[in-house]
Amino acid sequence: MVNHALFFSDLALRIAGVNYLPKYDVVVLDEAHTIEDVAGQHFGLKISEAGLKYQLRTLYDVKNNKGC
């Protein structure tokens, strides 16, 4: 049994070629009522409205009538 935050930290490290937890075949997540949030924090993408607008302007800027 493992805490889900620790499990996702280990998964993120394994992607980088490092492991913290010993090898496992089965995982039982304890009290995983926030599992979606924790997984998102480790592997998700965060973007603000301003960040999204900036990225879209790189595709096409209406003011300058230019795009990439």
PDB file of N, CA and C in Angstrom:
ATOM      1  N   MET A   1       0.850  -1.166   0.000  1.00  0.00           N
ATOM      2  CA  MET A   1       0.000   0.000   0.000  1.00  0.00           C
ATOM      3  C   MET A   1       0.902   1.239   0.000  1.00  0.00           C
ATOM      4  N   VAL A   2       0.478   2.249  -0.758  1.00  0.00           N
ATOM      5  CA  VAL A   2       1.288   3.458  -0.851  1.00  0.00           C
ATOM      6  C   VAL A   2       0.375   4.676  -0.938  1.00  0.00           C
ATOM      7  N   ASN A   3       0.848   5.767  -0.405  1.00  0.00           N
ATOM      8  CA  ASN A   3       0.167   7.048  -0.520  1.00  0.00           C
ATOM      9  C   ASN A   3       0.211   7.474  -1.988  1.00  0.00           C
ATOM     10  N   HIS A   4      -0.898   7.988  -2.505  1.00  0.00           N
ATOM     11  CA  HIS A   4      -0.954   8.318  -3.930  1.00  0.00           C
ATOM     12  C   HIS A   4       0.008   9.439  -4.319  1.00  0.00           C
ATOM     13  N   ALA A   5       0.270  10.386  -3.451  1.00  0.00           N
ATOM     14  CA  ALA A   5       1.222  11.451  -3.774  1.00  0.00           C
ATOM     15  C   ALA A   5       2.630  10.871  -3.935  1.00  0.00           C
ATOM     16  N   LEU A   6       2.992   9.961  -3.056  1.00  0.00           N
ATOM     17  CA  LEU A   6       4.293   9.307  -3.156  1.00  0.00           C
ATOM     18  C   LEU A   6       4.373   8.449  -4.417  1.00  0.00           C
ATOM     19  N   PHE A   7       3.291   7.770  -4.740  1.00  0.00           N
ATOM     20  CA  PHE A   7       3.260   6.929  -5.940  1.00  0.00           C
ATOM     21  C   PHE A   7       3.492   7.757  -7.201  1.00  0.00           C
ATOM     22  N   PHE A   8       2.786   8.891  -7.322  1.00  0.00           N
ATOM     23  CA  PHE A   8       2.951   9.719  -8.517  1.00  0.00           C
ATOM     24  C   PHE A   8       4.314  10.399  -8.555  1.00  0.00           C
ATOM     25  N   SER A   9       4.876  10.709  -7.398  1.00  0.00           N
ATOM     26  CA  SER A   9       6.244  11.234  -7.370  1.00  0.00           C
ATOM     27  C   SER A   9       7.212  10.190  -7.899  1.00  0.00           C
ATOM     28  N   ASP A  10       7.012   8.940  -7.482  1.00  0.00           N
ATOM     29  CA  ASP A  10       7.853   7.859  -7.966  1.00  0.00           C
ATOM     30  C   ASP A  10       7.693   7.669  -9.474  1.00  0.00           C
ATOM     31  N   LEU A  11       6.457   7.732  -9.972  1.00  0.00           N
ATOM     32  CA  LEU A  11       6.244   7.600 -11.422  1.00  0.00           C
ATOM     33  C   LEU A  11       6.967   8.699 -12.190  1.00  0.00           C
ATOM     34  N   ALA A  12       6.896   9.923 -11.683  1.00  0.00           N
ATOM     35  CA  ALA A  12       7.576  11.037 -12.351  1.00  0.00           C
ATOM     36  C   ALA A  12       9.081  10.816 -12.356  1.00  0.00           C
ATOM     37  N   LEU A  13       9.625  10.301 -11.257  1.00  0.00           N
ATOM     38  CA  LEU A  13      11.056  10.014 -11.206  1.00  0.00           C
ATOM     39  C   LEU A  13      11.430   8.890 -12.162  1.00  0.00           C
ATOM     40  N   ARG A  14      10.575   7.870 -12.270  1.00  0.00           N
ATOM     41  CA  ARG A  14      10.860   6.750 -13.166  1.00  0.00           C
ATOM     42  C   ARG A  14      10.930   7.204 -14.617  1.00  0.00           C
ATOM     43  N   ILE A  15      10.123   8.168 -14.978  1.00  0.00           N
ATOM     44  CA  ILE A  15      10.182   8.721 -16.339  1.00  0.00           C
ATOM     45  C   ILE A  15      11.554   9.348 -16.585  1.00  0.00           C
ATOM     46  N   ALA A  16      12.132   9.919 -15.528  1.00  0.00           N
ATOM     47  CA  ALA A  16      13.457  10.538 -15.625  1.00  0.00           C
ATOM     48  C   ALA A  16      14.575   9.513 -15.446  1.00  0.00           C
ATOM     49  N   GLY A  17      14.209   8.228 -15.259  1.00  0.00           N
ATOM     50  CA  GLY A  17      15.222   7.187 -15.139  1.00  0.00           C
ATOM     51  C   GLY A  17      15.661   6.875 -13.718  1.00  0.00           C
ATOM     52  N   VAL A  18      14.945   7.397 -12.741  1.00  0.00           N
ATOM     53  CA  VAL A  18      15.267   7.171 -11.335  1.00  0.00           C
ATOM     54  C   VAL A  18      14.052   6.554 -10.666  1.00  0.00           C
ATOM     55  N   ASN A  19      14.267   5.660  -9.734  1.00  0.00           N
ATOM     56  CA  ASN A  19      13.117   5.160  -8.984  1.00  0.00           C
ATOM     57  C   ASN A  19      13.368   5.313  -7.490  1.00  0.00           C
ATOM     58  N   TYR A  20      12.315   5.629  -6.777  1.00  0.00           N
ATOM     59  CA  TYR A  20      12.370   5.823  -5.335  1.00  0.00           C
ATOM     60  C   TYR A  20      11.804   4.604  -4.622  1.00  0.00           C
ATOM     61  N   LEU A  21      10.690   4.109  -5.114  1.00  0.00           N
ATOM     62  CA  LEU A  21      10.059   2.928  -4.534  1.00  0.00           C
ATOM     63  C   LEU A  21      10.668   1.664  -5.139  1.00  0.00           C
ATOM     64  N   PRO A  22      10.615   0.567  -4.395  1.00  0.00           N
ATOM     65  CA  PRO A  22      11.095  -0.690  -4.981  1.00  0.00           C
ATOM     66  C   PRO A  22      10.198  -1.137  -6.130  1.00  0.00           C
ATOM     67  N   LYS A  23      10.698  -2.072  -6.941  1.00  0.00           N
ATOM     68  CA  LYS A  23       9.927  -2.593  -8.070  1.00  0.00           C
ATOM     69  C   LYS A  23       8.601  -3.160  -7.565  1.00  0.00           C
ATOM     70  N   TYR A  24       7.535  -2.933  -8.328  1.00  0.00           N
ATOM     71  CA  TYR A  24       6.217  -3.425  -7.925  1.00  0.00           C
ATOM     72  C   TYR A  24       5.460  -3.936  -9.135  1.00  0.00           C
ATOM     73  N   ASP A  25       4.561  -4.868  -8.873  1.00  0.00           N
ATOM     74  CA  ASP A  25       3.689  -5.404  -9.916  1.00  0.00           C
ATOM     75  C   ASP A  25       2.253  -4.932  -9.716  1.00  0.00           C
ATOM     76  N   VAL A  26       1.897  -4.642  -8.478  1.00  0.00           N
ATOM     77  CA  VAL A  26       0.542  -4.217  -8.128  1.00  0.00           C
ATOM     78  C   VAL A  26       0.650  -3.036  -7.170  1.00  0.00           C
ATOM     79  N   VAL A  27      -0.254  -2.079  -7.316  1.00  0.00           N
ATOM     80  CA  VAL A  27      -0.274  -0.917  -6.430  1.00  0.00           C
ATOM     81  C   VAL A  27      -1.659  -0.782  -5.828  1.00  0.00           C
ATOM     82  N   VAL A  28      -1.712  -0.579  -4.532  1.00  0.00           N
ATOM     83  CA  VAL A  28      -2.963  -0.274  -3.839  1.00  0.00           C
ATOM     84  C   VAL A  28      -2.808   1.137  -3.318  1.00  0.00           C
ATOM     85  N   LEU A  29      -3.644   2.035  -3.814  1.00  0.00           N
ATOM     86  CA  LEU A  29      -3.563   3.439  -3.405  1.00  0.00           C
ATOM     87  C   LEU A  29      -4.467   3.662  -2.203  1.00  0.00           C
ATOM     88  N   ASP A  30      -3.897   4.224  -1.156  1.00  0.00           N
ATOM     89  CA  ASP A  30      -4.602   4.459   0.088  1.00  0.00           C
ATOM     90  C   ASP A  30      -5.227   5.849   0.091  1.00  0.00           C
ATOM     91  N   GLU A  31      -6.498   5.921   0.454  1.00  0.00           N
ATOM     92  CA  GLU A  31      -7.217   7.199   0.576  1.00  0.00           C
ATOM     93  C   GLU A  31      -6.974   8.103  -0.629  1.00  0.00           C
ATOM     94  N   ALA A  32      -7.370   7.636  -1.784  1.00  0.00           N
ATOM     95  CA  ALA A  32      -7.087   8.335  -3.035  1.00  0.00           C
ATOM     96  C   ALA A  32      -8.214   9.269  -3.455  1.00  0.00           C
ATOM     97  N   HIS A  33      -8.833   9.941  -2.510  1.00  0.00           N
ATOM     98  CA  HIS A  33      -9.949  10.832  -2.845  1.00  0.00           C
ATOM     99  C   HIS A  33      -9.515  12.084  -3.609  1.00  0.00           C
ATOM    100  N   THR A  34      -8.238  12.373  -3.635  1.00  0.00           N
ATOM    101  CA  THR A  34      -7.738  13.516  -4.417  1.00  0.00           C
ATOM    102  C   THR A  34      -6.793  13.058  -5.517  1.00  0.00           C
ATOM    103  N   ILE A  35      -6.950  11.834  -5.973  1.00  0.00           N
ATOM    104  CA  ILE A  35      -6.000  11.255  -6.931  1.00  0.00           C
ATOM    105  C   ILE A  35      -5.925  12.049  -8.240  1.00  0.00           C
ATOM    106  N   GLU A  36      -7.054  12.551  -8.725  1.00  0.00           N
ATOM    107  CA  GLU A  36      -7.032  13.306  -9.981  1.00  0.00           C
ATOM    108  C   GLU A  36      -6.201  14.575  -9.848  1.00  0.00           C
ATOM    109  N   ASP A  37      -6.364  15.281  -8.729  1.00  0.00           N
ATOM    110  CA  ASP A  37      -5.604  16.515  -8.511  1.00  0.00           C
ATOM    111  C   ASP A  37      -4.107  16.230  -8.390  1.00  0.00           C
ATOM    112  N   VAL A  38      -3.776  15.187  -7.645  1.00  0.00           N
ATOM    113  CA  VAL A  38      -2.366  14.854  -7.445  1.00  0.00           C
ATOM    114  C   VAL A  38      -1.729  14.408  -8.758  1.00  0.00           C
ATOM    115  N   ALA A  39      -2.419  13.583  -9.524  1.00  0.00           N
ATOM    116  CA  ALA A  39      -1.892  13.157 -10.822  1.00  0.00           C
ATOM    117  C   ALA A  39      -1.715  14.363 -11.744  1.00  0.00           C
ATOM    118  N   GLY A  40      -2.673  15.267 -11.723  1.00  0.00           N
ATOM    119  CA  GLY A  40      -2.573  16.478 -12.542  1.00  0.00           C
ATOM    120  C   GLY A  40      -1.394  17.345 -12.153  1.00  0.00           C
ATOM    121  N   GLN A  41      -1.122  17.424 -10.845  1.00  0.00           N
ATOM    122  CA  GLN A  41       0.024  18.212 -10.384  1.00  0.00           C
ATOM    123  C   GLN A  41       1.341  17.611 -10.869  1.00  0.00           C
ATOM    124  N   HIS A  42       1.408  16.291 -10.963  1.00  0.00           N
ATOM    125  CA  HIS A  42       2.641  15.638 -11.375  1.00  0.00           C
ATOM    126  C   HIS A  42       2.803  15.569 -12.895  1.00  0.00           C
ATOM    127  N   PHE A  43       1.691  15.398 -13.622  1.00  0.00           N
ATOM    128  CA  PHE A  43       1.793  15.149 -15.056  1.00  0.00           C
ATOM    129  C   PHE A  43       0.956  16.094 -15.910  1.00  0.00           C
ATOM    130  N   GLY A  44       0.185  16.945 -15.273  1.00  0.00           N
ATOM    131  CA  GLY A  44      -0.737  17.792 -16.018  1.00  0.00           C
ATOM    132  C   GLY A  44      -0.083  19.029 -16.585  1.00  0.00           C
ATOM    133  N   LEU A  45      -0.844  19.697 -17.396  1.00  0.00           N
ATOM    134  CA  LEU A  45      -0.408  20.930 -18.023  1.00  0.00           C
ATOM    135  C   LEU A  45      -1.215  22.071 -17.416  1.00  0.00           C
ATOM    136  N   LYS A  46      -0.542  23.096 -16.980  1.00  0.00           N
ATOM    137  CA  LYS A  46      -1.231  24.258 -16.429  1.00  0.00           C
ATOM    138  C   LYS A  46      -1.060  25.419 -17.402  1.00  0.00           C
ATOM    139  N   ILE A  47      -2.159  26.088 -17.685  1.00  0.00           N
ATOM    140  CA  ILE A  47      -2.084  27.255 -18.559  1.00  0.00           C
ATOM    141  C   ILE A  47      -3.148  28.254 -18.107  1.00  0.00           C
ATOM    142  N   SER A  48      -2.776  29.496 -18.100  1.00  0.00           N
ATOM    143  CA  SER A  48      -3.710  30.550 -17.723  1.00  0.00           C
ATOM    144  C   SER A  48      -4.404  31.077 -18.976  1.00  0.00           C
ATOM    145  N   GLU A  49      -5.412  31.888 -18.773  1.00  0.00           N
ATOM    146  CA  GLU A  49      -6.099  32.493 -19.912  1.00  0.00           C
ATOM    147  C   GLU A  49      -5.131  33.376 -20.698  1.00  0.00           C
ATOM    148  N   ALA A  50      -4.315  34.132 -19.967  1.00  0.00           N
ATOM    149  CA  ALA A  50      -3.333  34.995 -20.637  1.00  0.00           C
ATOM    150  C   ALA A  50      -2.312  34.162 -21.410  1.00  0.00           C
ATOM    151  N   GLY A  51      -1.889  33.044 -20.835  1.00  0.00           N
ATOM    152  CA  GLY A  51      -0.944  32.172 -21.519  1.00  0.00           C
ATOM    153  C   GLY A  51      -1.530  31.577 -22.780  1.00  0.00           C
ATOM    154  N   LEU A  52      -2.800  31.192 -22.715  1.00  0.00           N
ATOM    155  CA  LEU A  52      -3.473  30.643 -23.882  1.00  0.00           C
ATOM    156  C   LEU A  52      -3.600  31.697 -24.978  1.00  0.00           C
ATOM    157  N   LYS A  53      -3.984  32.914 -24.602  1.00  0.00           N
ATOM    158  CA  LYS A  53      -4.094  33.995 -25.587  1.00  0.00           C
ATOM    159  C   LYS A  53      -2.741  34.278 -26.236  1.00  0.00           C
ATOM    160  N   TYR A  54      -1.677  34.261 -25.451  1.00  0.00           N
ATOM    161  CA  TYR A  54      -0.336  34.489 -25.996  1.00  0.00           C
ATOM    162  C   TYR A  54       0.006  33.420 -27.031  1.00  0.00           C
ATOM    163  N   GLN A  55      -0.248  32.171 -26.693  1.00  0.00           N
ATOM    164  CA  GLN A  55       0.056  31.079 -27.616  1.00  0.00           C
ATOM    165  C   GLN A  55      -0.771  31.185 -28.896  1.00  0.00           C
ATOM    166  N   LEU A  56      -2.038  31.550 -28.761  1.00  0.00           N
ATOM    167  CA  LEU A  56      -2.883  31.703 -29.944  1.00  0.00           C
ATOM    168  C   LEU A  56      -2.416  32.860 -30.817  1.00  0.00           C
ATOM    169  N   ARG A  57      -1.909  33.941 -30.186  1.00  0.00           N
ATOM    170  CA  ARG A  57      -1.391  35.082 -30.967  1.00  0.00           C
ATOM    171  C   ARG A  57      -0.149  34.691 -31.757  1.00  0.00           C
ATOM    172  N   THR A  58       0.601  33.707 -31.280  1.00  0.00           N
ATOM    173  CA  THR A  58       1.761  33.269 -32.052  1.00  0.00           C
ATOM    174  C   THR A  58       1.324  32.566 -33.329  1.00  0.00           C
ATOM    175  N   LEU A  59       0.117  32.004 -33.303  1.00  0.00           N
ATOM    176  CA  LEU A  59      -0.414  31.373 -34.508  1.00  0.00           C
ATOM    177  C   LEU A  59      -0.941  32.420 -35.483  1.00  0.00           C
ATOM    178  N   TYR A  60      -1.681  33.394 -34.946  1.00  0.00           N
ATOM    179  CA  TYR A  60      -2.194  34.466 -35.798  1.00  0.00           C
ATOM    180  C   TYR A  60      -2.498  35.683 -34.934  1.00  0.00           C
ATOM    181  N   ASP A  61      -1.884  36.798 -35.237  1.00  0.00           N
ATOM    182  CA  ASP A  61      -2.096  38.049 -34.518  1.00  0.00           C
ATOM    183  C   ASP A  61      -2.991  38.950 -35.352  1.00  0.00           C
ATOM    184  N   VAL A  62      -4.209  39.167 -34.872  1.00  0.00           N
ATOM    185  CA  VAL A  62      -5.202  39.943 -35.607  1.00  0.00           C
ATOM    186  C   VAL A  62      -4.713  41.391 -35.796  1.00  0.00           C
ATOM    187  N   LYS A  63      -4.105  41.971 -34.774  1.00  0.00           N
ATOM    188  CA  LYS A  63      -3.659  43.373 -34.850  1.00  0.00           C
ATOM    189  C   LYS A  63      -2.628  43.576 -35.960  1.00  0.00           C
ATOM    190  N   ASN A  64      -1.707  42.651 -36.082  1.00  0.00           N
ATOM    191  CA  ASN A  64      -0.636  42.783 -37.078  1.00  0.00           C
ATOM    192  C   ASN A  64      -0.918  42.027 -38.354  1.00  0.00           C
ATOM    193  N   ASN A  65      -2.037  41.314 -38.382  1.00  0.00           N
ATOM    194  CA  ASN A  65      -2.416  40.505 -39.543  1.00  0.00           C
ATOM    195  C   ASN A  65      -1.284  39.562 -39.963  1.00  0.00           C
ATOM    196  N   LYS A  66      -0.650  38.952 -38.932  1.00  0.00           N
ATOM    197  CA  LYS A  66       0.463  38.043 -39.178  1.00  0.00           C
ATOM    198  C   LYS A  66       0.264  36.748 -38.416  1.00  0.00           C
ATOM    199  N   GLY A  67       0.831  35.713 -38.937  1.00  0.00           N
ATOM    200  CA  GLY A  67       0.810  34.411 -38.278  1.00  0.00           C
ATOM    201  C   GLY A  67       2.061  33.638 -38.616  1.00  0.00           C
ATOM    202  N   CYS A  68       2.221  32.520 -37.959  1.00  0.00           N
ATOM    203  CA  CYS A  68       3.435  31.734 -38.250  1.00  0.00           C
ATOM    204  C   CYS A  68       3.148  30.639 -39.246  1.00  0.00           C
TER     205      CYS A  68
END
